[in-house]
Amino acid sequence: MRASTTTVRTIDLDRDQMLILDDPCGRMRVLHGSVWLTEAGLGDDHRVGAGEERPLGGRRTVIGALGPTRLQLTEEKGSGPAAPARAWRRIVRAARRQAQRMQFGPARAEPRV
């Protein structure tokens, strides 16, 4: 028999920092600040402010901070005691990939010769 486990993680994002989640299932609550939420395959984007909560439906999700923000991600899995560690590793891998892709500050134009 497999037990259901709930994983709750708190993540801090700076302004314009993004978090990409590959297949989140659960809920996202904004504790402080606000984010722009985009889910693959859905035509609507959402601005989610402090105190608001949104379900995450298992689609690739991009969360962009509109200012200093603190998020709470809740994921429930029925796949045994190793689920929290796997979920956390997936979040960390996604954050590392995103950090490698990000450019901080405005893009600089190449000088014309």
N, C-alpha and C. Protein backbone atom coordinates (compact mmCIF):
# COMPACT_ATOMS: atom_id res chain seq x y z
N MET A 1 0.83 -1.18 0.00
CA MET A 1 0.00 0.00 0.00
C MET A 1 0.87 1.24 0.00
N ARG A 2 0.55 2.16 -0.86
CA ARG A 2 1.32 3.39 -0.96
C ARG A 2 0.65 4.50 -0.18
N ALA A 3 1.46 5.25 0.51
CA ALA A 3 0.93 6.35 1.30
C ALA A 3 0.99 7.64 0.49
N SER A 4 0.03 8.49 0.73
CA SER A 4 0.02 9.80 0.09
C SER A 4 0.94 10.73 0.88
N THR A 5 1.78 11.48 0.18
CA THR A 5 2.68 12.42 0.84
C THR A 5 2.45 13.81 0.29
N THR A 6 2.61 14.77 1.16
CA THR A 6 2.47 16.16 0.77
C THR A 6 3.81 16.85 0.98
N THR A 7 4.29 17.54 -0.05
CA THR A 7 5.53 18.28 0.02
C THR A 7 5.21 19.76 -0.08
N VAL A 8 5.71 20.53 0.88
CA VAL A 8 5.52 21.98 0.86
C VAL A 8 6.89 22.63 0.83
N ARG A 9 7.13 23.46 -0.16
CA ARG A 9 8.41 24.17 -0.30
C ARG A 9 8.16 25.67 -0.40
N THR A 10 9.05 26.43 0.21
CA THR A 10 8.99 27.88 0.12
C THR A 10 10.16 28.35 -0.73
N ILE A 11 9.88 29.19 -1.72
CA ILE A 11 10.91 29.65 -2.66
C ILE A 11 10.86 31.17 -2.72
N ASP A 12 12.03 31.80 -2.62
CA ASP A 12 12.14 33.25 -2.76
C ASP A 12 12.67 33.57 -4.15
N LEU A 13 12.03 34.53 -4.81
CA LEU A 13 12.46 34.99 -6.13
C LEU A 13 12.71 36.49 -6.07
N ASP A 14 13.72 36.94 -6.77
CA ASP A 14 13.98 38.37 -6.91
C ASP A 14 13.19 38.91 -8.09
N ARG A 15 13.15 40.22 -8.21
CA ARG A 15 12.43 40.85 -9.32
C ARG A 15 12.97 40.32 -10.64
N ASP A 16 12.05 39.99 -11.54
CA ASP A 16 12.35 39.49 -12.89
C ASP A 16 12.98 38.10 -12.91
N GLN A 17 13.11 37.46 -11.77
CA GLN A 17 13.63 36.09 -11.75
C GLN A 17 12.49 35.15 -12.10
N MET A 18 12.82 34.07 -12.80
CA MET A 18 11.80 33.12 -13.25
C MET A 18 12.09 31.73 -12.72
N LEU A 19 11.01 30.99 -12.55
CA LEU A 19 11.09 29.60 -12.14
C LEU A 19 10.29 28.80 -13.14
N ILE A 20 10.90 27.75 -13.71
CA ILE A 20 10.22 26.90 -14.67
C ILE A 20 10.04 25.53 -14.03
N LEU A 21 8.79 25.07 -13.98
CA LEU A 21 8.47 23.76 -13.42
C LEU A 21 7.96 22.88 -14.55
N ASP A 22 8.52 21.69 -14.70
CA ASP A 22 8.18 20.83 -15.83
C ASP A 22 6.80 20.19 -15.72
N ASP A 23 6.43 19.66 -14.59
CA ASP A 23 5.13 19.01 -14.48
C ASP A 23 4.58 19.09 -13.06
N PRO A 24 4.36 20.29 -12.58
CA PRO A 24 3.90 20.43 -11.19
C PRO A 24 2.43 20.02 -11.06
N CYS A 25 2.12 19.30 -10.01
CA CYS A 25 0.74 18.96 -9.67
C CYS A 25 0.55 19.37 -8.22
N GLY A 26 -0.32 20.29 -8.00
CA GLY A 26 -0.56 20.77 -6.65
C GLY A 26 -1.07 22.20 -6.67
N ARG A 27 -0.53 23.01 -5.77
CA ARG A 27 -0.98 24.40 -5.66
C ARG A 27 0.20 25.32 -5.45
N MET A 28 0.06 26.56 -5.90
CA MET A 28 1.04 27.60 -5.66
C MET A 28 0.34 28.73 -4.93
N ARG A 29 0.93 29.15 -3.82
CA ARG A 29 0.39 30.28 -3.07
C ARG A 29 1.48 31.35 -3.00
N VAL A 30 1.09 32.60 -3.27
CA VAL A 30 2.02 33.71 -3.16
C VAL A 30 1.91 34.26 -1.74
N LEU A 31 3.00 34.17 -0.99
CA LEU A 31 3.00 34.65 0.38
C LEU A 31 3.32 36.14 0.47
N HIS A 32 4.18 36.60 -0.45
CA HIS A 32 4.59 38.01 -0.47
C HIS A 32 4.93 38.37 -1.90
N GLY A 33 4.55 39.56 -2.35
CA GLY A 33 4.86 40.01 -3.70
C GLY A 33 3.80 39.55 -4.69
N SER A 34 4.21 39.42 -5.96
CA SER A 34 3.30 38.97 -7.00
C SER A 34 4.09 38.33 -8.14
N VAL A 35 3.41 37.45 -8.88
CA VAL A 35 4.04 36.74 -9.99
C VAL A 35 3.14 36.75 -11.20
N TRP A 36 3.75 36.46 -12.35
CA TRP A 36 3.04 36.23 -13.60
C TRP A 36 3.15 34.74 -13.86
N LEU A 37 2.02 34.06 -14.04
CA LEU A 37 1.98 32.62 -14.17
C LEU A 37 1.52 32.24 -15.57
N THR A 38 2.30 31.42 -16.26
CA THR A 38 1.96 30.94 -17.60
C THR A 38 2.06 29.42 -17.59
N GLU A 39 1.01 28.74 -18.06
CA GLU A 39 1.02 27.29 -18.18
C GLU A 39 0.93 26.91 -19.65
N ALA A 40 1.78 25.99 -20.08
CA ALA A 40 1.81 25.54 -21.47
C ALA A 40 0.45 24.99 -21.87
N GLY A 41 0.01 25.35 -23.06
CA GLY A 41 -1.24 24.82 -23.60
C GLY A 41 -2.48 25.60 -23.20
N LEU A 42 -2.33 26.54 -22.29
CA LEU A 42 -3.47 27.37 -21.88
C LEU A 42 -3.29 28.76 -22.46
N GLY A 43 -4.35 29.33 -22.95
CA GLY A 43 -4.27 30.65 -23.58
C GLY A 43 -4.19 31.81 -22.61
N ASP A 44 -4.56 31.58 -21.35
CA ASP A 44 -4.59 32.67 -20.38
C ASP A 44 -3.38 32.64 -19.47
N ASP A 45 -2.81 33.82 -19.24
CA ASP A 45 -1.79 34.00 -18.22
C ASP A 45 -2.48 34.64 -17.02
N HIS A 46 -1.85 34.51 -15.87
CA HIS A 46 -2.47 35.05 -14.67
C HIS A 46 -1.47 35.82 -13.84
N ARG A 47 -1.93 36.96 -13.30
CA ARG A 47 -1.16 37.68 -12.29
C ARG A 47 -1.69 37.19 -10.95
N VAL A 48 -0.79 36.71 -10.11
CA VAL A 48 -1.17 36.18 -8.81
C VAL A 48 -0.47 37.01 -7.75
N GLY A 49 -1.25 37.62 -6.86
CA GLY A 49 -0.71 38.50 -5.83
C GLY A 49 -0.64 37.83 -4.48
N ALA A 50 -0.11 38.58 -3.52
CA ALA A 50 0.05 38.09 -2.15
C ALA A 50 -1.29 37.60 -1.60
N GLY A 51 -1.27 36.41 -1.00
CA GLY A 51 -2.47 35.83 -0.42
C GLY A 51 -3.31 35.03 -1.39
N GLU A 52 -2.98 35.08 -2.68
CA GLU A 52 -3.74 34.33 -3.68
C GLU A 52 -3.10 32.97 -3.94
N GLU A 53 -3.92 32.06 -4.41
CA GLU A 53 -3.49 30.69 -4.65
C GLU A 53 -4.00 30.22 -6.00
N ARG A 54 -3.20 29.41 -6.70
CA ARG A 54 -3.60 28.86 -8.01
C ARG A 54 -3.26 27.38 -8.04
N PRO A 55 -4.12 26.58 -8.67
CA PRO A 55 -3.77 25.18 -8.87
C PRO A 55 -2.75 25.05 -10.00
N LEU A 56 -1.90 24.06 -9.91
CA LEU A 56 -0.93 23.76 -10.96
C LEU A 56 -1.33 22.43 -11.55
N GLY A 57 -1.64 22.43 -12.85
CA GLY A 57 -2.29 21.28 -13.46
C GLY A 57 -1.41 20.30 -14.18
N GLY A 58 -0.13 20.18 -13.85
CA GLY A 58 0.71 19.17 -14.48
C GLY A 58 1.27 19.58 -15.83
N ARG A 59 1.13 20.84 -16.21
CA ARG A 59 1.70 21.34 -17.47
C ARG A 59 2.98 22.10 -17.15
N ARG A 60 3.84 22.22 -18.16
CA ARG A 60 5.04 23.05 -17.97
C ARG A 60 4.58 24.44 -17.57
N THR A 61 5.15 24.95 -16.48
CA THR A 61 4.70 26.21 -15.90
C THR A 61 5.87 27.16 -15.75
N VAL A 62 5.64 28.42 -16.13
CA VAL A 62 6.65 29.46 -15.96
C VAL A 62 6.08 30.46 -14.95
N ILE A 63 6.86 30.71 -13.90
CA ILE A 63 6.47 31.66 -12.87
C ILE A 63 7.51 32.77 -12.89
N GLY A 64 7.08 34.00 -13.18
CA GLY A 64 7.98 35.14 -13.23
C GLY A 64 7.64 36.12 -12.13
N ALA A 65 8.63 36.49 -11.32
CA ALA A 65 8.42 37.41 -10.22
C ALA A 65 8.33 38.84 -10.73
N LEU A 66 7.31 39.57 -10.28
CA LEU A 66 7.14 40.97 -10.66
C LEU A 66 7.83 41.91 -9.69
N GLY A 67 8.38 41.38 -8.66
CA GLY A 67 9.12 42.09 -7.62
C GLY A 67 9.64 41.03 -6.66
N PRO A 68 10.27 41.43 -5.56
CA PRO A 68 10.69 40.43 -4.58
C PRO A 68 9.47 39.60 -4.14
N THR A 69 9.56 38.29 -4.24
CA THR A 69 8.40 37.43 -4.03
C THR A 69 8.78 36.18 -3.24
N ARG A 70 7.84 35.74 -2.42
CA ARG A 70 7.99 34.46 -1.72
C ARG A 70 6.80 33.58 -2.08
N LEU A 71 7.10 32.38 -2.58
CA LEU A 71 6.08 31.42 -3.02
C LEU A 71 6.06 30.21 -2.10
N GLN A 72 4.91 29.59 -2.03
CA GLN A 72 4.79 28.31 -1.36
C GLN A 72 4.22 27.32 -2.38
N LEU A 73 4.97 26.26 -2.68
CA LEU A 73 4.53 25.23 -3.61
C LEU A 73 4.14 24.00 -2.81
N THR A 74 2.92 23.52 -3.02
CA THR A 74 2.42 22.33 -2.33
C THR A 74 2.15 21.26 -3.38
N GLU A 75 2.77 20.10 -3.19
CA GLU A 75 2.60 19.00 -4.12
C GLU A 75 2.20 17.76 -3.33
N GLU A 76 1.16 17.10 -3.80
CA GLU A 76 0.72 15.87 -3.15
C GLU A 76 0.93 14.72 -4.11
N LYS A 77 1.60 13.69 -3.62
CA LYS A 77 1.90 12.51 -4.44
C LYS A 77 1.51 11.27 -3.67
N GLY A 78 1.10 10.27 -4.38
CA GLY A 78 0.78 9.01 -3.76
C GLY A 78 1.80 7.95 -4.09
N SER A 79 3.07 8.34 -4.20
CA SER A 79 4.08 7.40 -4.66
C SER A 79 5.08 7.02 -3.58
N GLY A 80 4.69 7.03 -2.35
CA GLY A 80 5.55 6.54 -1.29
C GLY A 80 6.44 7.59 -0.67
N PRO A 81 7.30 7.16 0.27
CA PRO A 81 8.09 8.10 1.07
C PRO A 81 9.18 8.82 0.29
N ALA A 82 9.59 8.35 -0.89
CA ALA A 82 10.64 9.03 -1.64
C ALA A 82 10.11 10.21 -2.44
N ALA A 83 8.81 10.39 -2.52
CA ALA A 83 8.23 11.45 -3.34
C ALA A 83 8.71 12.85 -2.97
N PRO A 84 8.79 13.24 -1.68
CA PRO A 84 9.25 14.60 -1.37
C PRO A 84 10.65 14.88 -1.88
N ALA A 85 11.56 13.91 -1.75
CA ALA A 85 12.93 14.12 -2.22
C ALA A 85 12.96 14.26 -3.74
N ARG A 86 12.20 13.44 -4.46
CA ARG A 86 12.15 13.55 -5.92
C ARG A 86 11.56 14.88 -6.35
N ALA A 87 10.50 15.32 -5.68
CA ALA A 87 9.87 16.60 -6.03
C ALA A 87 10.85 17.74 -5.81
N TRP A 88 11.56 17.73 -4.70
CA TRP A 88 12.51 18.80 -4.41
C TRP A 88 13.65 18.79 -5.42
N ARG A 89 14.16 17.61 -5.77
CA ARG A 89 15.23 17.54 -6.78
C ARG A 89 14.76 18.08 -8.11
N ARG A 90 13.50 17.80 -8.49
CA ARG A 90 12.96 18.31 -9.75
C ARG A 90 12.88 19.82 -9.73
N ILE A 91 12.46 20.41 -8.60
CA ILE A 91 12.38 21.87 -8.48
C ILE A 91 13.77 22.48 -8.56
N VAL A 92 14.74 21.88 -7.88
CA VAL A 92 16.11 22.41 -7.89
C VAL A 92 16.71 22.32 -9.30
N ARG A 93 16.49 21.18 -9.99
CA ARG A 93 17.00 21.06 -11.37
C ARG A 93 16.40 22.12 -12.28
N ALA A 94 15.10 22.35 -12.15
CA ALA A 94 14.43 23.36 -12.98
C ALA A 94 14.99 24.74 -12.68
N ALA A 95 15.21 25.05 -11.41
CA ALA A 95 15.75 26.36 -11.04
C ALA A 95 17.17 26.54 -11.57
N ARG A 96 17.98 25.49 -11.52
CA ARG A 96 19.35 25.58 -12.05
C ARG A 96 19.35 25.78 -13.55
N ARG A 97 18.48 25.03 -14.27
CA ARG A 97 18.41 25.23 -15.72
C ARG A 97 18.00 26.66 -16.05
N GLN A 98 17.02 27.17 -15.30
CA GLN A 98 16.56 28.53 -15.56
C GLN A 98 17.65 29.55 -15.26
N ALA A 99 18.40 29.34 -14.18
CA ALA A 99 19.47 30.27 -13.83
C ALA A 99 20.53 30.32 -14.93
N GLN A 100 20.79 29.19 -15.58
CA GLN A 100 21.75 29.17 -16.67
C GLN A 100 21.25 29.94 -17.88
N ARG A 101 19.93 29.96 -18.08
CA ARG A 101 19.35 30.64 -19.25
C ARG A 101 19.14 32.14 -19.03
N MET A 102 19.07 32.54 -17.78
CA MET A 102 18.67 33.92 -17.48
C MET A 102 19.78 34.91 -17.79
N GLN A 103 19.37 36.08 -18.18
CA GLN A 103 20.29 37.21 -18.34
C GLN A 103 19.79 38.29 -17.40
N PHE A 104 20.66 38.81 -16.59
CA PHE A 104 20.27 39.85 -15.65
C PHE A 104 20.55 41.22 -16.27
N GLY A 105 19.61 42.13 -16.10
CA GLY A 105 19.74 43.47 -16.62
C GLY A 105 19.34 43.55 -18.08
N PRO A 106 19.32 44.77 -18.62
CA PRO A 106 18.91 44.93 -20.02
C PRO A 106 19.95 44.35 -20.98
N ALA A 107 19.47 43.85 -22.09
CA ALA A 107 20.35 43.32 -23.11
C ALA A 107 21.15 44.48 -23.71
N ARG A 108 22.42 44.24 -23.93
CA ARG A 108 23.28 45.28 -24.49
C ARG A 108 23.44 45.06 -25.99
N ALA A 109 23.29 46.13 -26.72
CA ALA A 109 23.43 46.05 -28.18
C ALA A 109 24.91 45.98 -28.55
N GLU A 110 25.18 45.29 -29.62
CA GLU A 110 26.54 45.22 -30.14
C GLU A 110 26.91 46.59 -30.71
N PRO A 111 28.14 47.06 -30.48
CA PRO A 111 28.52 48.35 -31.07
C PRO A 111 28.59 48.24 -32.59
N ARG A 112 28.11 49.28 -33.25
CA ARG A 112 28.17 49.30 -34.72
C ARG A 112 29.51 49.79 -35.18
N VAL A 113 30.01 49.17 -36.20
CA VAL A 113 31.33 49.54 -36.74
C VAL A 113 31.16 50.24 -38.04
